[in-house]
PDB file of all heavy atoms in Angstrom:
ATOM      1  N   VAL A   1      16.559  -6.162  77.799  1.00  0.00           N
ATOM      2  CA  VAL A   1      17.982  -6.355  78.069  1.00  0.00           C
ATOM      3  C   VAL A   1      18.469  -7.493  77.173  1.00  0.00           C
ATOM      4  O   VAL A   1      17.944  -8.603  77.226  1.00  0.00           O
ATOM      5  CB  VAL A   1      18.250  -6.698  79.540  1.00  0.00           C
ATOM      6  CG1 VAL A   1      19.739  -6.956  79.763  1.00  0.00           C
ATOM      7  CG2 VAL A   1      17.772  -5.570  80.442  1.00  0.00           C
ATOM      8  N   VAL A   2      19.457  -7.220  76.316  1.00  0.00           N
ATOM      9  CA  VAL A   2      20.008  -8.211  75.400  1.00  0.00           C
ATOM     10  C   VAL A   2      21.404  -8.592  75.881  1.00  0.00           C
ATOM     11  O   VAL A   2      22.269  -7.723  76.035  1.00  0.00           O
ATOM     12  CB  VAL A   2      20.069  -7.668  73.959  1.00  0.00           C
ATOM     13  CG1 VAL A   2      20.651  -8.729  73.019  1.00  0.00           C
ATOM     14  CG2 VAL A   2      18.674  -7.257  73.487  1.00  0.00           C
ATOM     15  N   THR A   3      21.611  -9.876  76.128  1.00  0.00           N
ATOM     16  CA  THR A   3      22.894 -10.377  76.613  1.00  0.00           C
ATOM     17  C   THR A   3      23.605 -11.141  75.502  1.00  0.00           C
ATOM     18  O   THR A   3      23.033 -12.061  74.912  1.00  0.00           O
ATOM     19  CB  THR A   3      22.703 -11.312  77.820  1.00  0.00           C
ATOM     20  OG1 THR A   3      22.019 -10.613  78.858  1.00  0.00           O
ATOM     21  CG2 THR A   3      24.042 -11.804  78.351  1.00  0.00           C
ATOM     22  N   ASP A   4      24.834 -10.741  75.214  1.00  0.00           N
ATOM     23  CA  ASP A   4      25.687 -11.460  74.266  1.00  0.00           C
ATOM     24  C   ASP A   4      26.423 -12.535  75.052  1.00  0.00           C
ATOM     25  O   ASP A   4      27.299 -12.234  75.868  1.00  0.00           O
ATOM     26  CB  ASP A   4      26.669 -10.501  73.602  1.00  0.00           C
ATOM     27  CG  ASP A   4      27.503 -11.179  72.515  1.00  0.00           C
ATOM     28  OD1 ASP A   4      27.634 -12.417  72.545  1.00  0.00           O
ATOM     29  OD2 ASP A   4      28.025 -10.460  71.642  1.00  0.00           O
ATOM     30  N   ARG A   5      26.072 -13.784  74.832  1.00  0.00           N
ATOM     31  CA  ARG A   5      26.647 -14.850  75.654  1.00  0.00           C
ATOM     32  C   ARG A   5      28.096 -15.150  75.307  1.00  0.00           C
ATOM     33  O   ARG A   5      28.780 -15.819  76.076  1.00  0.00           O
ATOM     34  CB  ARG A   5      25.803 -16.122  75.488  1.00  0.00           C
ATOM     35  CG  ARG A   5      24.461 -16.007  76.193  1.00  0.00           C
ATOM     36  CD  ARG A   5      23.408 -16.771  75.472  1.00  0.00           C
ATOM     37  NE  ARG A   5      22.347 -17.169  76.387  1.00  0.00           N
ATOM     38  CZ  ARG A   5      21.378 -18.003  76.081  1.00  0.00           C
ATOM     39  NH1 ARG A   5      21.340 -18.549  74.891  1.00  0.00           N
ATOM     40  NH2 ARG A   5      20.445 -18.304  76.948  1.00  0.00           N
ATOM     41  N   THR A   6      28.590 -14.686  74.175  1.00  0.00           N
ATOM     42  CA  THR A   6      29.985 -14.923  73.827  1.00  0.00           C
ATOM     43  C   THR A   6      30.917 -13.951  74.524  1.00  0.00           C
ATOM     44  O   THR A   6      32.061 -14.289  74.816  1.00  0.00           O
ATOM     45  CB  THR A   6      30.196 -14.817  72.306  1.00  0.00           C
ATOM     46  OG1 THR A   6      29.854 -13.503  71.867  1.00  0.00           O
ATOM     47  CG2 THR A   6      29.324 -15.828  71.579  1.00  0.00           C
ATOM     48  N   THR A   7      30.446 -12.744  74.788  1.00  0.00           N
ATOM     49  CA  THR A   7      31.293 -11.722  75.410  1.00  0.00           C
ATOM     50  C   THR A   7      30.836 -11.344  76.815  1.00  0.00           C
ATOM     51  O   THR A   7      31.596 -10.735  77.563  1.00  0.00           O
ATOM     52  CB  THR A   7      31.315 -10.443  74.557  1.00  0.00           C
ATOM     53  OG1 THR A   7      29.987  -9.873  74.527  1.00  0.00           O
ATOM     54  CG2 THR A   7      31.756 -10.754  73.131  1.00  0.00           C
ATOM     55  N   GLY A   8      29.608 -11.681  77.161  1.00  0.00           N
ATOM     56  CA  GLY A   8      29.053 -11.257  78.444  1.00  0.00           C
ATOM     57  C   GLY A   8      28.497  -9.849  78.426  1.00  0.00           C
ATOM     58  O   GLY A   8      27.937  -9.388  79.422  1.00  0.00           O
ATOM     59  N   GLU A   9      28.612  -9.159  77.292  1.00  0.00           N
ATOM     60  CA  GLU A   9      28.122  -7.783  77.211  1.00  0.00           C
ATOM     61  C   GLU A   9      26.600  -7.766  77.206  1.00  0.00           C
ATOM     62  O   GLU A   9      25.950  -8.586  76.564  1.00  0.00           O
ATOM     63  CB  GLU A   9      28.643  -7.108  75.944  1.00  0.00           C
ATOM     64  CG  GLU A   9      28.192  -5.656  75.790  1.00  0.00           C
ATOM     65  CD  GLU A   9      28.704  -5.016  74.522  1.00  0.00           C
ATOM     66  OE1 GLU A   9      29.449  -5.691  73.779  1.00  0.00           O
ATOM     67  OE2 GLU A   9      28.366  -3.855  74.279  1.00  0.00           O
ATOM     68  N   ARG A  10      26.039  -6.813  77.946  1.00  0.00           N
ATOM     69  CA  ARG A  10      24.590  -6.661  77.999  1.00  0.00           C
ATOM     70  C   ARG A  10      24.223  -5.225  77.660  1.00  0.00           C
ATOM     71  O   ARG A  10      24.892  -4.285  78.069  1.00  0.00           O
ATOM     72  CB  ARG A  10      24.048  -7.033  79.383  1.00  0.00           C
ATOM     73  CG  ARG A  10      24.217  -8.509  79.693  1.00  0.00           C
ATOM     74  CD  ARG A  10      23.533  -8.907  80.981  1.00  0.00           C
ATOM     75  NE  ARG A  10      24.088  -8.190  82.105  1.00  0.00           N
ATOM     76  CZ  ARG A  10      23.370  -7.575  83.026  1.00  0.00           C
ATOM     77  NH1 ARG A  10      22.066  -7.562  82.949  1.00  0.00           N
ATOM     78  NH2 ARG A  10      23.938  -6.969  84.042  1.00  0.00           N
ATOM     79  N   SER A  11      23.152  -5.071  76.911  1.00  0.00           N
ATOM     80  CA  SER A  11      22.677  -3.744  76.543  1.00  0.00           C
ATOM     81  C   SER A  11      21.215  -3.608  76.929  1.00  0.00           C
ATOM     82  O   SER A  11      20.431  -4.542  76.773  1.00  0.00           O
ATOM     83  CB  SER A  11      22.859  -3.502  75.043  1.00  0.00           C
ATOM     84  OG  SER A  11      22.205  -4.504  74.291  1.00  0.00           O
ATOM     85  N   THR A  12      20.876  -2.454  77.456  1.00  0.00           N
ATOM     86  CA  THR A  12      19.499  -2.139  77.822  1.00  0.00           C
ATOM     87  C   THR A  12      18.939  -1.160  76.804  1.00  0.00           C
ATOM     88  O   THR A  12      19.497  -0.079  76.611  1.00  0.00           O
ATOM     89  CB  THR A  12      19.443  -1.533  79.240  1.00  0.00           C
ATOM     90  OG1 THR A  12      20.007  -2.450  80.170  1.00  0.00           O
ATOM     91  CG2 THR A  12      17.998  -1.228  79.625  1.00  0.00           C
ATOM     92  N   ILE A  13      17.851  -1.546  76.149  1.00  0.00           N
ATOM     93  CA  ILE A  13      17.291  -0.745  75.061  1.00  0.00           C
ATOM     94  C   ILE A  13      15.858  -0.369  75.409  1.00  0.00           C
ATOM     95  O   ILE A  13      15.018  -1.240  75.638  1.00  0.00           O
ATOM     96  CB  ILE A  13      17.327  -1.532  73.737  1.00  0.00           C
ATOM     97  CG1 ILE A  13      18.758  -2.007  73.450  1.00  0.00           C
ATOM     98  CG2 ILE A  13      16.800  -0.680  72.588  1.00  0.00           C
ATOM     99  CD1 ILE A  13      18.855  -3.023  72.349  1.00  0.00           C
ATOM    100  N   LYS A  14      15.581   0.921  75.461  1.00  0.00           N
ATOM    101  CA  LYS A  14      14.241   1.403  75.772  1.00  0.00           C
ATOM    102  C   LYS A  14      13.357   1.323  74.535  1.00  0.00           C
ATOM    103  O   LYS A  14      13.829   1.504  73.414  1.00  0.00           O
ATOM    104  CB  LYS A  14      14.306   2.835  76.296  1.00  0.00           C
ATOM    105  CG  LYS A  14      15.051   2.972  77.611  1.00  0.00           C
ATOM    106  CD  LYS A  14      15.005   4.389  78.135  1.00  0.00           C
ATOM    107  CE  LYS A  14      15.795   5.335  77.260  1.00  0.00           C
ATOM    108  NZ  LYS A  14      15.830   6.713  77.808  1.00  0.00           N
ATOM    109  N   THR A  15      12.055   1.073  74.756  1.00  0.00           N
ATOM    110  CA  THR A  15      11.132   0.911  73.630  1.00  0.00           C
ATOM    111  C   THR A  15      10.039   1.978  73.650  1.00  0.00           C
ATOM    112  O   THR A  15      10.121   2.954  72.920  1.00  0.00           O
ATOM    113  CB  THR A  15      10.533  -0.504  73.642  1.00  0.00           C
ATOM    114  OG1 THR A  15       9.974  -0.774  74.939  1.00  0.00           O
ATOM    115  CG2 THR A  15      11.596  -1.539  73.319  1.00  0.00           C
ATOM    116  N   VAL A  16       9.010   1.822  74.479  1.00  0.00           N
ATOM    117  CA  VAL A  16       7.905   2.780  74.508  1.00  0.00           C
ATOM    118  C   VAL A  16       7.722   3.300  75.924  1.00  0.00           C
ATOM    119  O   VAL A  16       8.163   2.682  76.894  1.00  0.00           O
ATOM    120  CB  VAL A  16       6.591   2.132  74.019  1.00  0.00           C
ATOM    121  CG1 VAL A  16       6.695   1.753  72.561  1.00  0.00           C
ATOM    122  CG2 VAL A  16       6.216   0.926  74.876  1.00  0.00           C
ATOM    123  N   LYS A  17       7.050   4.434  76.031  1.00  0.00           N
ATOM    124  CA  LYS A  17       6.897   5.091  77.325  1.00  0.00           C
ATOM    125  C   LYS A  17       5.535   4.793  77.928  1.00  0.00           C
ATOM    126  O   LYS A  17       4.546   4.594  77.232  1.00  0.00           O
ATOM    127  CB  LYS A  17       7.074   6.604  77.167  1.00  0.00           C
ATOM    128  CG  LYS A  17       7.320   7.338  78.489  1.00  0.00           C
ATOM    129  CD  LYS A  17       7.879   8.729  78.264  1.00  0.00           C
ATOM    130  CE  LYS A  17       8.294   9.370  79.583  1.00  0.00           C
ATOM    131  NZ  LYS A  17       8.920  10.691  79.394  1.00  0.00           N
ATOM    132  N   SER A  18       5.497   4.754  79.261  1.00  0.00           N
ATOM    133  CA  SER A  18       4.255   4.555  80.004  1.00  0.00           C
ATOM    134  C   SER A  18       3.207   5.572  79.546  1.00  0.00           C
ATOM    135  O   SER A  18       3.549   6.729  79.278  1.00  0.00           O
ATOM    136  CB  SER A  18       4.531   4.716  81.496  1.00  0.00           C
ATOM    137  OG  SER A  18       3.343   4.727  82.230  1.00  0.00           O
ATOM    138  N   PRO A  19       1.930   5.182  79.397  1.00  0.00           N
ATOM    139  CA  PRO A  19       1.321   3.917  79.847  1.00  0.00           C
ATOM    140  C   PRO A  19       1.361   2.795  78.817  1.00  0.00           C
ATOM    141  O   PRO A  19       0.729   1.758  79.021  1.00  0.00           O
ATOM    142  CB  PRO A  19      -0.117   4.329  80.125  1.00  0.00           C
ATOM    143  CG  PRO A  19      -0.381   5.384  79.093  1.00  0.00           C
ATOM    144  CD  PRO A  19       0.911   6.145  78.967  1.00  0.00           C
ATOM    145  N   LEU A  20       2.060   2.986  77.688  1.00  0.00           N
ATOM    146  CA  LEU A  20       2.182   1.912  76.706  1.00  0.00           C
ATOM    147  C   LEU A  20       3.123   0.835  77.222  1.00  0.00           C
ATOM    148  O   LEU A  20       3.968   1.091  78.090  1.00  0.00           O
ATOM    149  CB  LEU A  20       2.716   2.466  75.386  1.00  0.00           C
ATOM    150  CG  LEU A  20       1.924   3.599  74.730  1.00  0.00           C
ATOM    151  CD1 LEU A  20       2.638   4.066  73.472  1.00  0.00           C
ATOM    152  CD2 LEU A  20       0.506   3.170  74.422  1.00  0.00           C
ATOM    153  N   ILE A  21       2.982  -0.372  76.675  1.00  0.00           N
ATOM    154  CA  ILE A  21       3.956  -1.427  76.933  1.00  0.00           C
ATOM    155  C   ILE A  21       4.401  -2.007  75.600  1.00  0.00           C
ATOM    156  O   ILE A  21       3.728  -1.842  74.574  1.00  0.00           O
ATOM    157  CB  ILE A  21       3.402  -2.552  77.836  1.00  0.00           C
ATOM    158  CG1 ILE A  21       2.305  -3.342  77.119  1.00  0.00           C
ATOM    159  CG2 ILE A  21       2.920  -2.014  79.158  1.00  0.00           C
ATOM    160  CD1 ILE A  21       1.922  -4.620  77.846  1.00  0.00           C
ATOM    161  N   SER A  22       5.544  -2.669  75.598  1.00  0.00           N
ATOM    162  CA  SER A  22       6.056  -3.329  74.391  1.00  0.00           C
ATOM    163  C   SER A  22       6.260  -4.796  74.700  1.00  0.00           C
ATOM    164  O   SER A  22       7.183  -5.161  75.409  1.00  0.00           O
ATOM    165  CB  SER A  22       7.371  -2.687  73.944  1.00  0.00           C
ATOM    166  OG  SER A  22       8.331  -2.756  74.980  1.00  0.00           O
ATOM    167  N   SER A  23       5.375  -5.644  74.202  1.00  0.00           N
ATOM    168  CA  SER A  23       5.493  -7.080  74.444  1.00  0.00           C
ATOM    169  C   SER A  23       6.371  -7.703  73.362  1.00  0.00           C
ATOM    170  O   SER A  23       6.244  -7.400  72.181  1.00  0.00           O
ATOM    171  CB  SER A  23       4.110  -7.733  74.459  1.00  0.00           C
ATOM    172  OG  SER A  23       3.384  -7.406  73.302  1.00  0.00           O
ATOM    173  N   MET A  24       7.293  -8.564  73.789  1.00  0.00           N
ATOM    174  CA  MET A  24       8.263  -9.151  72.879  1.00  0.00           C
ATOM    175  C   MET A  24       7.598 -10.207  72.001  1.00  0.00           C
ATOM    176  O   MET A  24       6.904 -11.077  72.488  1.00  0.00           O
ATOM    177  CB  MET A  24       9.408  -9.776  73.682  1.00  0.00           C
ATOM    178  CG  MET A  24      10.627 -10.051  72.859  1.00  0.00           C
ATOM    179  SD  MET A  24      12.040 -10.750  73.756  1.00  0.00           S
ATOM    180  CE  MET A  24      11.688 -10.375  75.437  1.00  0.00           C
ATOM    181  N   ARG A  25       7.835 -10.118  70.669  1.00  0.00           N
ATOM    182  CA  ARG A  25       7.209 -11.038  69.748  1.00  0.00           C
ATOM    183  C   ARG A  25       8.184 -12.054  69.192  1.00  0.00           C
ATOM    184  O   ARG A  25       7.932 -13.247  69.275  1.00  0.00           O
ATOM    185  CB  ARG A  25       6.591 -10.263  68.571  1.00  0.00           C
ATOM    186  CG  ARG A  25       5.399  -9.403  68.936  1.00  0.00           C
ATOM    187  CD  ARG A  25       4.125 -10.206  69.059  1.00  0.00           C
ATOM    188  NE  ARG A  25       4.093 -11.022  70.244  1.00  0.00           N
ATOM    189  CZ  ARG A  25       3.645 -10.631  71.425  1.00  0.00           C
ATOM    190  NH1 ARG A  25       3.173  -9.430  71.584  1.00  0.00           N
ATOM    191  NH2 ARG A  25       3.667 -11.446  72.457  1.00  0.00           N
ATOM    192  N   ALA A  26       9.286 -11.609  68.557  1.00  0.00           N
ATOM    193  CA  ALA A  26      10.134 -12.572  67.861  1.00  0.00           C
ATOM    194  C   ALA A  26      11.441 -11.961  67.407  1.00  0.00           C
ATOM    195  O   ALA A  26      11.528 -10.766  67.135  1.00  0.00           O
ATOM    196  CB  ALA A  26       9.393 -13.116  66.638  1.00  0.00           C
ATOM    197  N   TRP A  27      12.462 -12.828  67.308  1.00  0.00           N
ATOM    198  CA  TRP A  27      13.710 -12.464  66.657  1.00  0.00           C
ATOM    199  C   TRP A  27      13.529 -12.573  65.143  1.00  0.00           C
ATOM    200  O   TRP A  27      12.742 -13.387  64.655  1.00  0.00           O
ATOM    201  CB  TRP A  27      14.832 -13.411  67.062  1.00  0.00           C
ATOM    202  CG  TRP A  27      15.392 -13.188  68.427  1.00  0.00           C
ATOM    203  CD1 TRP A  27      14.926 -13.698  69.598  1.00  0.00           C
ATOM    204  CD2 TRP A  27      16.546 -12.411  68.756  1.00  0.00           C
ATOM    205  NE1 TRP A  27      15.711 -13.286  70.645  1.00  0.00           N
ATOM    206  CE2 TRP A  27      16.720 -12.497  70.153  1.00  0.00           C
ATOM    207  CE3 TRP A  27      17.446 -11.663  68.003  1.00  0.00           C
ATOM    208  CZ2 TRP A  27      17.758 -11.850  70.816  1.00  0.00           C
ATOM    209  CZ3 TRP A  27      18.484 -11.018  68.662  1.00  0.00           C
ATOM    210  CH2 TRP A  27      18.637 -11.115  70.052  1.00  0.00           C
ATOM    211  N   SER A  28      14.275 -11.788  64.394  1.00  0.00           N
ATOM    212  CA  SER A  28      14.346 -11.987  62.949  1.00  0.00           C
ATOM    213  C   SER A  28      15.168 -13.242  62.675  1.00  0.00           C
ATOM    214  O   SER A  28      15.900 -13.721  63.538  1.00  0.00           O
ATOM    215  CB  SER A  28      14.983 -10.778  62.267  1.00  0.00           C
ATOM    216  OG  SER A  28      16.311 -10.564  62.747  1.00  0.00           O
ATOM    217  N   LYS A  29      15.037 -13.779  61.451  1.00  0.00           N
ATOM    218  CA  LYS A  29      15.714 -15.037  61.129  1.00  0.00           C
ATOM    219  C   LYS A  29      17.227 -14.924  61.248  1.00  0.00           C
ATOM    220  O   LYS A  29      17.901 -15.883  61.600  1.00  0.00           O
ATOM    221  CB  LYS A  29      15.335 -15.484  59.709  1.00  0.00           C
ATOM    222  CG  LYS A  29      13.868 -15.853  59.554  1.00  0.00           C
ATOM    223  CD  LYS A  29      13.592 -16.468  58.190  1.00  0.00           C
ATOM    224  CE  LYS A  29      13.788 -15.498  57.036  1.00  0.00           C
ATOM    225  NZ  LYS A  29      12.742 -14.434  57.031  1.00  0.00           N
ATOM    226  N   ASP A  30      17.783 -13.731  60.945  1.00  0.00           N
ATOM    227  CA  ASP A  30      19.235 -13.570  61.001  1.00  0.00           C
ATOM    228  C   ASP A  30      19.735 -13.133  62.374  1.00  0.00           C
ATOM    229  O   ASP A  30      20.933 -12.932  62.570  1.00  0.00           O
ATOM    230  CB  ASP A  30      19.708 -12.581  59.940  1.00  0.00           C
ATOM    231  CG  ASP A  30      19.139 -11.171  60.133  1.00  0.00           C
ATOM    232  OD1 ASP A  30      18.404 -10.946  61.130  1.00  0.00           O
ATOM    233  OD2 ASP A  30      19.418 -10.307  59.286  1.00  0.00           O
TER     234      ASP A  30
END
């Protein structure tokens, strides 16, 4: 779930399907 703190908008983005998981690593520099 990504929250834009300037607008309050939130988006839910699906990644991989069970039984896999997607662990968060890092933002890009930009």
